[in-house]
């Protein structure tokens, strides 16, 4: 039971062509699950640091954009916000709370004491840590 060399080449050529055509169709025409309404949508991040200003050696200002894609009010108390600078934790100088209604975006600025020179900074919020 031997295969004819010509028949084997024809089978291999047909298989290769089928894989190439199928791959090209899959790239050009994604499945409905990939492109349809049930496809996962990318959400913008809930918290984004938009600006960091180290003003003199006295204090630092961090501007943060809070977004709320949920259905409940998002409340961020100033006591829940801090900056870790190595082993030092900096608390905000301001005591303003931020309330973000569902579907809204709020931009606010927090002021902190100046961080130690050369320390790696991270903004800490409940459930989040953002490198600065």
N, C-alpha and C. Protein backbone atom coordinates (compact mmCIF):
# COMPACT_ATOMS: atom_id res chain seq x y z
N UNK A 1 0.84 -1.16 0.00
CA UNK A 1 0.00 0.00 0.00
C UNK A 1 0.89 1.23 0.00
N UNK A 2 1.27 1.63 -1.14
CA UNK A 2 2.14 2.79 -1.28
C UNK A 2 1.40 3.95 -1.90
N UNK A 3 1.85 5.15 -1.57
CA UNK A 3 1.28 6.35 -2.16
C UNK A 3 2.08 6.73 -3.38
N UNK A 4 1.35 7.17 -4.37
CA UNK A 4 2.01 7.68 -5.56
C UNK A 4 2.58 9.04 -5.21
N UNK A 5 3.80 9.32 -5.62
CA UNK A 5 4.44 10.60 -5.30
C UNK A 5 3.63 11.78 -5.82
N UNK A 6 3.05 11.67 -6.95
CA UNK A 6 2.23 12.75 -7.53
C UNK A 6 0.98 12.98 -6.70
N UNK A 7 0.34 11.91 -6.21
CA UNK A 7 -0.87 12.05 -5.39
C UNK A 7 -0.54 12.69 -4.05
N UNK A 8 0.58 12.30 -3.46
CA UNK A 8 1.00 12.89 -2.19
C UNK A 8 1.29 14.38 -2.34
N UNK A 9 1.96 14.77 -3.41
CA UNK A 9 2.24 16.19 -3.67
C UNK A 9 0.95 16.97 -3.87
N UNK A 10 -0.02 16.38 -4.56
CA UNK A 10 -1.29 17.06 -4.80
C UNK A 10 -2.05 17.27 -3.49
N UNK A 11 -2.04 16.27 -2.60
CA UNK A 11 -2.71 16.39 -1.31
C UNK A 11 -2.04 17.48 -0.46
N UNK A 12 -0.72 17.48 -0.40
CA UNK A 12 0.02 18.49 0.36
C UNK A 12 -0.23 19.90 -0.20
N UNK A 13 -0.25 20.04 -1.53
CA UNK A 13 -0.49 21.33 -2.15
C UNK A 13 -1.90 21.82 -1.85
N UNK A 14 -2.88 20.95 -1.91
CA UNK A 14 -4.27 21.33 -1.62
C UNK A 14 -4.43 21.72 -0.15
N UNK A 15 -3.76 20.99 0.75
CA UNK A 15 -3.84 21.31 2.17
C UNK A 15 -3.21 22.67 2.46
N UNK A 16 -2.06 22.91 1.88
CA UNK A 16 -1.37 24.19 2.07
C UNK A 16 -2.21 25.33 1.51
N UNK A 17 -2.77 25.17 0.35
CA UNK A 17 -3.61 26.21 -0.25
C UNK A 17 -4.85 26.45 0.60
N UNK A 18 -5.45 25.40 1.11
CA UNK A 18 -6.64 25.55 1.96
C UNK A 18 -6.33 26.30 3.23
N UNK A 19 -5.20 25.99 3.87
CA UNK A 19 -4.80 26.71 5.08
C UNK A 19 -4.51 28.18 4.79
N UNK A 20 -3.86 28.46 3.68
CA UNK A 20 -3.54 29.84 3.33
C UNK A 20 -4.80 30.64 3.05
N UNK A 21 -5.72 30.07 2.31
CA UNK A 21 -6.98 30.77 1.99
C UNK A 21 -7.83 30.94 3.24
N UNK A 22 -7.91 29.91 4.06
CA UNK A 22 -8.68 30.01 5.30
C UNK A 22 -8.11 31.04 6.25
N UNK A 23 -6.80 31.11 6.34
CA UNK A 23 -6.15 32.11 7.19
C UNK A 23 -6.40 33.52 6.68
N UNK A 24 -6.34 33.71 5.37
CA UNK A 24 -6.58 35.04 4.79
C UNK A 24 -8.03 35.46 5.01
N UNK A 25 -8.96 34.55 4.87
CA UNK A 25 -10.37 34.88 5.09
C UNK A 25 -10.62 35.21 6.55
N UNK A 26 -9.97 34.49 7.46
CA UNK A 26 -10.13 34.75 8.89
C UNK A 26 -9.60 36.12 9.28
N UNK A 27 -8.55 36.59 8.63
CA UNK A 27 -7.99 37.91 8.93
C UNK A 27 -8.88 39.00 8.34
N UNK A 28 -9.32 38.81 7.10
CA UNK A 28 -10.12 39.82 6.43
C UNK A 28 -11.53 39.87 7.00
N UNK A 29 -12.10 38.74 7.32
CA UNK A 29 -13.48 38.67 7.78
C UNK A 29 -13.52 37.98 9.14
N UNK A 30 -13.39 38.75 10.25
CA UNK A 30 -13.42 38.12 11.57
C UNK A 30 -14.79 37.54 11.87
N UNK A 31 -14.82 36.65 12.82
CA UNK A 31 -16.09 36.03 13.18
C UNK A 31 -17.01 37.07 13.82
N UNK A 32 -18.29 36.76 13.88
CA UNK A 32 -19.27 37.69 14.46
C UNK A 32 -18.98 37.96 15.93
N UNK A 33 -18.49 36.94 16.65
CA UNK A 33 -18.18 37.14 18.06
C UNK A 33 -17.05 38.15 18.24
N UNK A 34 -16.13 38.21 17.26
CA UNK A 34 -15.03 39.16 17.36
C UNK A 34 -15.46 40.56 16.97
N UNK A 35 -16.35 40.70 16.02
CA UNK A 35 -16.69 42.01 15.49
C UNK A 35 -18.11 42.46 15.81
N UNK A 36 -18.93 41.57 16.33
CA UNK A 36 -20.34 41.89 16.54
C UNK A 36 -20.61 42.64 17.83
N UNK A 37 -21.89 42.83 18.13
CA UNK A 37 -22.27 43.60 19.30
C UNK A 37 -21.90 42.93 20.62
N UNK A 38 -21.65 41.62 20.59
CA UNK A 38 -21.27 40.95 21.83
C UNK A 38 -19.76 41.00 22.06
N UNK A 39 -19.02 41.62 21.13
CA UNK A 39 -17.57 41.72 21.30
C UNK A 39 -17.25 42.60 22.49
N UNK A 40 -16.21 42.23 23.23
CA UNK A 40 -15.85 43.06 24.39
C UNK A 40 -15.40 44.44 23.95
N UNK A 41 -15.87 45.43 24.61
CA UNK A 41 -15.51 46.81 24.31
C UNK A 41 -14.42 47.24 25.28
N UNK A 42 -13.48 48.00 24.78
CA UNK A 42 -12.43 48.49 25.69
C UNK A 42 -12.96 49.71 26.42
N UNK A 43 -12.81 49.71 27.73
CA UNK A 43 -13.26 50.82 28.55
C UNK A 43 -12.08 51.72 28.87
N UNK A 44 -12.32 53.00 28.95
CA UNK A 44 -11.23 53.87 29.39
C UNK A 44 -10.92 53.59 30.84
N UNK A 45 -9.68 53.81 31.25
CA UNK A 45 -9.35 53.58 32.65
C UNK A 45 -10.15 54.48 33.57
N UNK A 46 -10.49 53.98 34.76
CA UNK A 46 -11.32 54.74 35.69
C UNK A 46 -10.59 55.94 36.26
N UNK A 47 -9.27 55.85 36.40
CA UNK A 47 -8.48 56.94 36.97
C UNK A 47 -7.23 57.14 36.12
N UNK A 48 -6.99 58.39 35.72
CA UNK A 48 -5.82 58.70 34.91
C UNK A 48 -5.14 59.93 35.50
N UNK A 49 -3.83 59.84 35.71
CA UNK A 49 -3.06 61.00 36.15
C UNK A 49 -2.72 61.80 34.90
N UNK A 50 -3.20 63.05 34.84
CA UNK A 50 -2.97 63.86 33.66
C UNK A 50 -1.80 64.81 33.79
N UNK A 51 -1.39 65.15 35.02
CA UNK A 51 -0.29 66.09 35.19
C UNK A 51 0.32 65.96 36.59
N UNK A 52 1.63 66.07 36.66
CA UNK A 52 2.34 66.07 37.94
C UNK A 52 3.28 67.27 37.91
N UNK A 53 3.11 68.19 38.86
CA UNK A 53 3.97 69.37 38.96
C UNK A 53 4.64 69.38 40.32
N UNK A 54 5.96 69.36 40.32
CA UNK A 54 6.69 69.55 41.56
C UNK A 54 7.03 71.03 41.60
N UNK A 55 6.30 71.75 42.40
CA UNK A 55 6.40 73.20 42.47
C UNK A 55 7.38 73.59 43.56
N UNK A 56 8.55 74.03 43.15
CA UNK A 56 9.61 74.39 44.10
C UNK A 56 9.96 73.17 44.95
N UNK A 57 10.48 73.41 46.11
CA UNK A 57 10.78 72.31 47.02
C UNK A 57 9.73 72.23 48.12
N UNK A 58 8.66 73.03 47.96
CA UNK A 58 7.63 73.13 49.00
C UNK A 58 6.48 72.14 48.82
N UNK A 59 5.98 72.00 47.59
CA UNK A 59 4.85 71.09 47.41
C UNK A 59 4.77 70.55 45.98
N UNK A 60 3.88 69.60 45.81
CA UNK A 60 3.67 68.93 44.53
C UNK A 60 2.18 68.91 44.25
N UNK A 61 1.80 69.14 42.98
CA UNK A 61 0.39 69.10 42.58
C UNK A 61 0.21 67.97 41.56
N UNK A 62 -0.81 67.15 41.76
CA UNK A 62 -1.12 66.04 40.87
C UNK A 62 -2.55 66.22 40.38
N UNK A 63 -2.71 66.31 39.05
CA UNK A 63 -4.04 66.44 38.44
C UNK A 63 -4.49 65.05 38.00
N UNK A 64 -5.71 64.71 38.42
CA UNK A 64 -6.24 63.37 38.18
C UNK A 64 -7.61 63.48 37.51
N UNK A 65 -7.84 62.61 36.51
CA UNK A 65 -9.15 62.53 35.85
C UNK A 65 -9.84 61.25 36.30
N UNK A 66 -10.98 61.40 36.97
CA UNK A 66 -11.78 60.28 37.43
C UNK A 66 -12.94 60.08 36.47
N UNK A 67 -13.16 58.84 36.03
CA UNK A 67 -14.30 58.50 35.18
C UNK A 67 -15.17 57.49 35.91
N UNK A 68 -16.46 57.51 35.59
CA UNK A 68 -17.38 56.57 36.22
C UNK A 68 -18.22 55.93 35.13
N UNK A 69 -17.94 54.67 34.84
CA UNK A 69 -18.73 53.93 33.84
C UNK A 69 -19.76 53.03 34.50
N UNK A 70 -19.83 53.09 35.83
CA UNK A 70 -20.78 52.26 36.57
C UNK A 70 -22.15 52.91 36.67
N UNK A 71 -22.97 52.36 37.54
CA UNK A 71 -24.33 52.87 37.72
C UNK A 71 -24.51 53.58 39.06
N UNK A 72 -23.50 53.55 39.91
CA UNK A 72 -23.59 54.17 41.23
C UNK A 72 -22.62 55.35 41.30
N UNK A 73 -22.89 56.25 42.20
CA UNK A 73 -22.03 57.40 42.43
C UNK A 73 -20.67 56.91 42.91
N UNK A 74 -19.61 57.45 42.33
CA UNK A 74 -18.25 57.12 42.77
C UNK A 74 -17.77 58.25 43.67
N UNK A 75 -17.45 57.91 44.90
CA UNK A 75 -17.01 58.91 45.88
C UNK A 75 -15.55 58.61 46.24
N UNK A 76 -14.70 59.62 46.09
CA UNK A 76 -13.29 59.50 46.46
C UNK A 76 -13.01 60.55 47.52
N UNK A 77 -12.79 60.12 48.75
CA UNK A 77 -12.48 61.04 49.84
C UNK A 77 -10.99 61.38 49.80
N UNK A 78 -10.67 62.61 50.19
CA UNK A 78 -9.27 63.03 50.20
C UNK A 78 -8.43 62.15 51.13
N UNK A 79 -9.02 61.63 52.19
CA UNK A 79 -8.31 60.76 53.13
C UNK A 79 -7.93 59.43 52.48
N UNK A 80 -8.60 59.05 51.39
CA UNK A 80 -8.30 57.80 50.70
C UNK A 80 -7.20 57.95 49.65
N UNK A 81 -6.73 59.19 49.42
CA UNK A 81 -5.73 59.46 48.40
C UNK A 81 -4.39 59.70 49.10
N UNK A 82 -3.34 59.08 48.58
CA UNK A 82 -2.01 59.30 49.12
C UNK A 82 -0.98 59.07 48.02
N UNK A 83 0.24 59.53 48.28
CA UNK A 83 1.36 59.27 47.37
C UNK A 83 2.42 58.55 48.16
N UNK A 84 2.85 57.41 47.65
CA UNK A 84 3.97 56.71 48.30
C UNK A 84 5.24 57.12 47.56
N UNK A 85 6.20 57.56 48.32
CA UNK A 85 7.50 57.98 47.80
C UNK A 85 8.56 57.15 48.51
N UNK A 86 8.77 55.96 47.99
CA UNK A 86 9.65 55.02 48.69
C UNK A 86 8.98 54.56 49.96
N UNK A 87 9.61 54.80 51.11
CA UNK A 87 9.02 54.40 52.38
C UNK A 87 8.19 55.52 53.02
N UNK A 88 8.15 56.68 52.37
CA UNK A 88 7.41 57.83 52.89
C UNK A 88 6.03 57.87 52.25
N UNK A 89 4.99 58.12 53.06
CA UNK A 89 3.63 58.27 52.55
C UNK A 89 3.21 59.73 52.71
N UNK A 90 2.83 60.35 51.59
CA UNK A 90 2.41 61.75 51.60
C UNK A 90 0.89 61.82 51.51
N UNK A 91 0.28 62.56 52.39
CA UNK A 91 -1.17 62.76 52.38
C UNK A 91 -1.47 64.11 51.74
N UNK A 92 -2.65 64.26 51.11
CA UNK A 92 -2.96 65.52 50.43
C UNK A 92 -3.12 66.67 51.43
N UNK A 93 -2.73 67.86 51.00
CA UNK A 93 -2.91 69.06 51.81
C UNK A 93 -4.36 69.53 51.78
N UNK A 94 -5.07 69.20 50.72
CA UNK A 94 -6.46 69.61 50.57
C UNK A 94 -7.38 68.52 51.10
N UNK A 95 -8.55 68.91 51.52
CA UNK A 95 -9.50 67.92 52.04
C UNK A 95 -10.75 67.82 51.17
N UNK A 96 -10.61 68.14 49.90
CA UNK A 96 -11.75 68.09 48.99
C UNK A 96 -12.05 66.65 48.56
N UNK A 97 -13.30 66.26 48.70
CA UNK A 97 -13.74 64.95 48.21
C UNK A 97 -14.19 65.12 46.76
N UNK A 98 -14.17 64.02 46.03
CA UNK A 98 -14.58 64.03 44.63
C UNK A 98 -15.76 63.08 44.48
N UNK A 99 -16.86 63.58 43.92
CA UNK A 99 -18.03 62.76 43.60
C UNK A 99 -18.19 62.72 42.09
N UNK A 100 -18.22 61.52 41.54
CA UNK A 100 -18.35 61.34 40.10
C UNK A 100 -19.65 60.60 39.83
N UNK A 101 -20.57 61.26 39.15
CA UNK A 101 -21.85 60.64 38.82
C UNK A 101 -21.68 59.61 37.70
N UNK A 102 -22.57 58.66 37.58
CA UNK A 102 -22.48 57.65 36.52
C UNK A 102 -22.43 58.31 35.14
N UNK A 103 -21.48 57.87 34.33
CA UNK A 103 -21.32 58.39 32.98
C UNK A 103 -20.54 59.70 32.92
N UNK A 104 -20.10 60.22 34.04
CA UNK A 104 -19.42 61.52 34.06
C UNK A 104 -17.91 61.35 34.25
N UNK A 105 -17.21 62.43 34.00
CA UNK A 105 -15.78 62.52 34.22
C UNK A 105 -15.50 63.79 34.99
N UNK A 106 -14.63 63.71 36.00
CA UNK A 106 -14.28 64.85 36.83
C UNK A 106 -12.76 64.96 36.88
N UNK A 107 -12.25 66.18 36.68
CA UNK A 107 -10.82 66.44 36.77
C UNK A 107 -10.59 67.29 38.01
N UNK A 108 -9.66 66.86 38.85
CA UNK A 108 -9.35 67.59 40.08
C UNK A 108 -7.85 67.55 40.34
N UNK A 109 -7.38 68.48 41.15
CA UNK A 109 -5.96 68.56 41.48
C UNK A 109 -5.79 68.41 42.99
N UNK A 110 -4.87 67.53 43.37
CA UNK A 110 -4.52 67.33 44.77
C UNK A 110 -3.14 67.91 45.01
N UNK A 111 -2.95 68.57 46.14
CA UNK A 111 -1.64 69.11 46.50
C UNK A 111 -1.06 68.30 47.65
N UNK A 112 0.23 68.03 47.55
CA UNK A 112 0.95 67.24 48.54
C UNK A 112 2.22 67.98 48.94
N UNK A 113 2.82 67.56 50.06
CA UNK A 113 4.15 68.04 50.40
C UNK A 113 5.12 67.54 49.34
N UNK A 114 6.26 68.20 49.24
CA UNK A 114 7.25 67.79 48.24
C UNK A 114 7.79 66.40 48.58
N UNK A 115 7.97 65.56 47.56
CA UNK A 115 8.51 64.22 47.83
C UNK A 115 10.01 64.27 48.01
N UNK A 116 10.59 63.25 48.64
CA UNK A 116 12.05 63.17 48.72
C UNK A 116 12.65 63.05 47.32
N UNK A 117 13.82 63.62 47.13
CA UNK A 117 14.47 63.57 45.82
C UNK A 117 14.80 62.13 45.42
N UNK A 118 14.53 61.81 44.17
CA UNK A 118 14.88 60.52 43.61
C UNK A 118 13.98 59.37 44.02
N UNK A 119 12.93 59.61 44.78
CA UNK A 119 12.04 58.52 45.21
C UNK A 119 11.08 58.15 44.09
N UNK A 120 10.80 56.88 43.97
CA UNK A 120 9.79 56.41 43.02
C UNK A 120 8.42 56.75 43.59
N UNK A 121 7.59 57.43 42.79
CA UNK A 121 6.30 57.91 43.27
C UNK A 121 5.16 57.06 42.71
N UNK A 122 4.16 56.84 43.55
CA UNK A 122 2.95 56.13 43.12
C UNK A 122 1.75 56.76 43.81
N UNK A 123 0.73 57.09 43.03
CA UNK A 123 -0.52 57.62 43.58
C UNK A 123 -1.36 56.44 44.03
N UNK A 124 -1.80 56.46 45.26
CA UNK A 124 -2.59 55.37 45.84
C UNK A 124 -4.02 55.83 46.06
N UNK A 125 -4.95 55.06 45.53
CA UNK A 125 -6.39 55.26 45.70
C UNK A 125 -6.97 53.93 46.14
N UNK A 126 -8.19 53.92 46.66
CA UNK A 126 -8.79 52.63 47.05
C UNK A 126 -8.86 51.67 45.85
N UNK A 127 -8.14 50.57 45.93
CA UNK A 127 -8.15 49.56 44.89
C UNK A 127 -7.28 49.88 43.70
N UNK A 128 -6.51 50.98 43.72
CA UNK A 128 -5.68 51.36 42.58
C UNK A 128 -4.34 51.90 43.05
N UNK A 129 -3.33 51.70 42.22
CA UNK A 129 -2.01 52.29 42.43
C UNK A 129 -1.49 52.70 41.07
N UNK A 130 -1.22 53.99 40.90
CA UNK A 130 -0.78 54.52 39.61
C UNK A 130 0.64 55.07 39.75
N UNK A 131 1.57 54.57 38.95
CA UNK A 131 2.94 55.06 38.98
C UNK A 131 3.00 56.46 38.39
N UNK A 132 3.81 57.29 39.03
CA UNK A 132 3.96 58.68 38.55
C UNK A 132 5.32 58.85 37.91
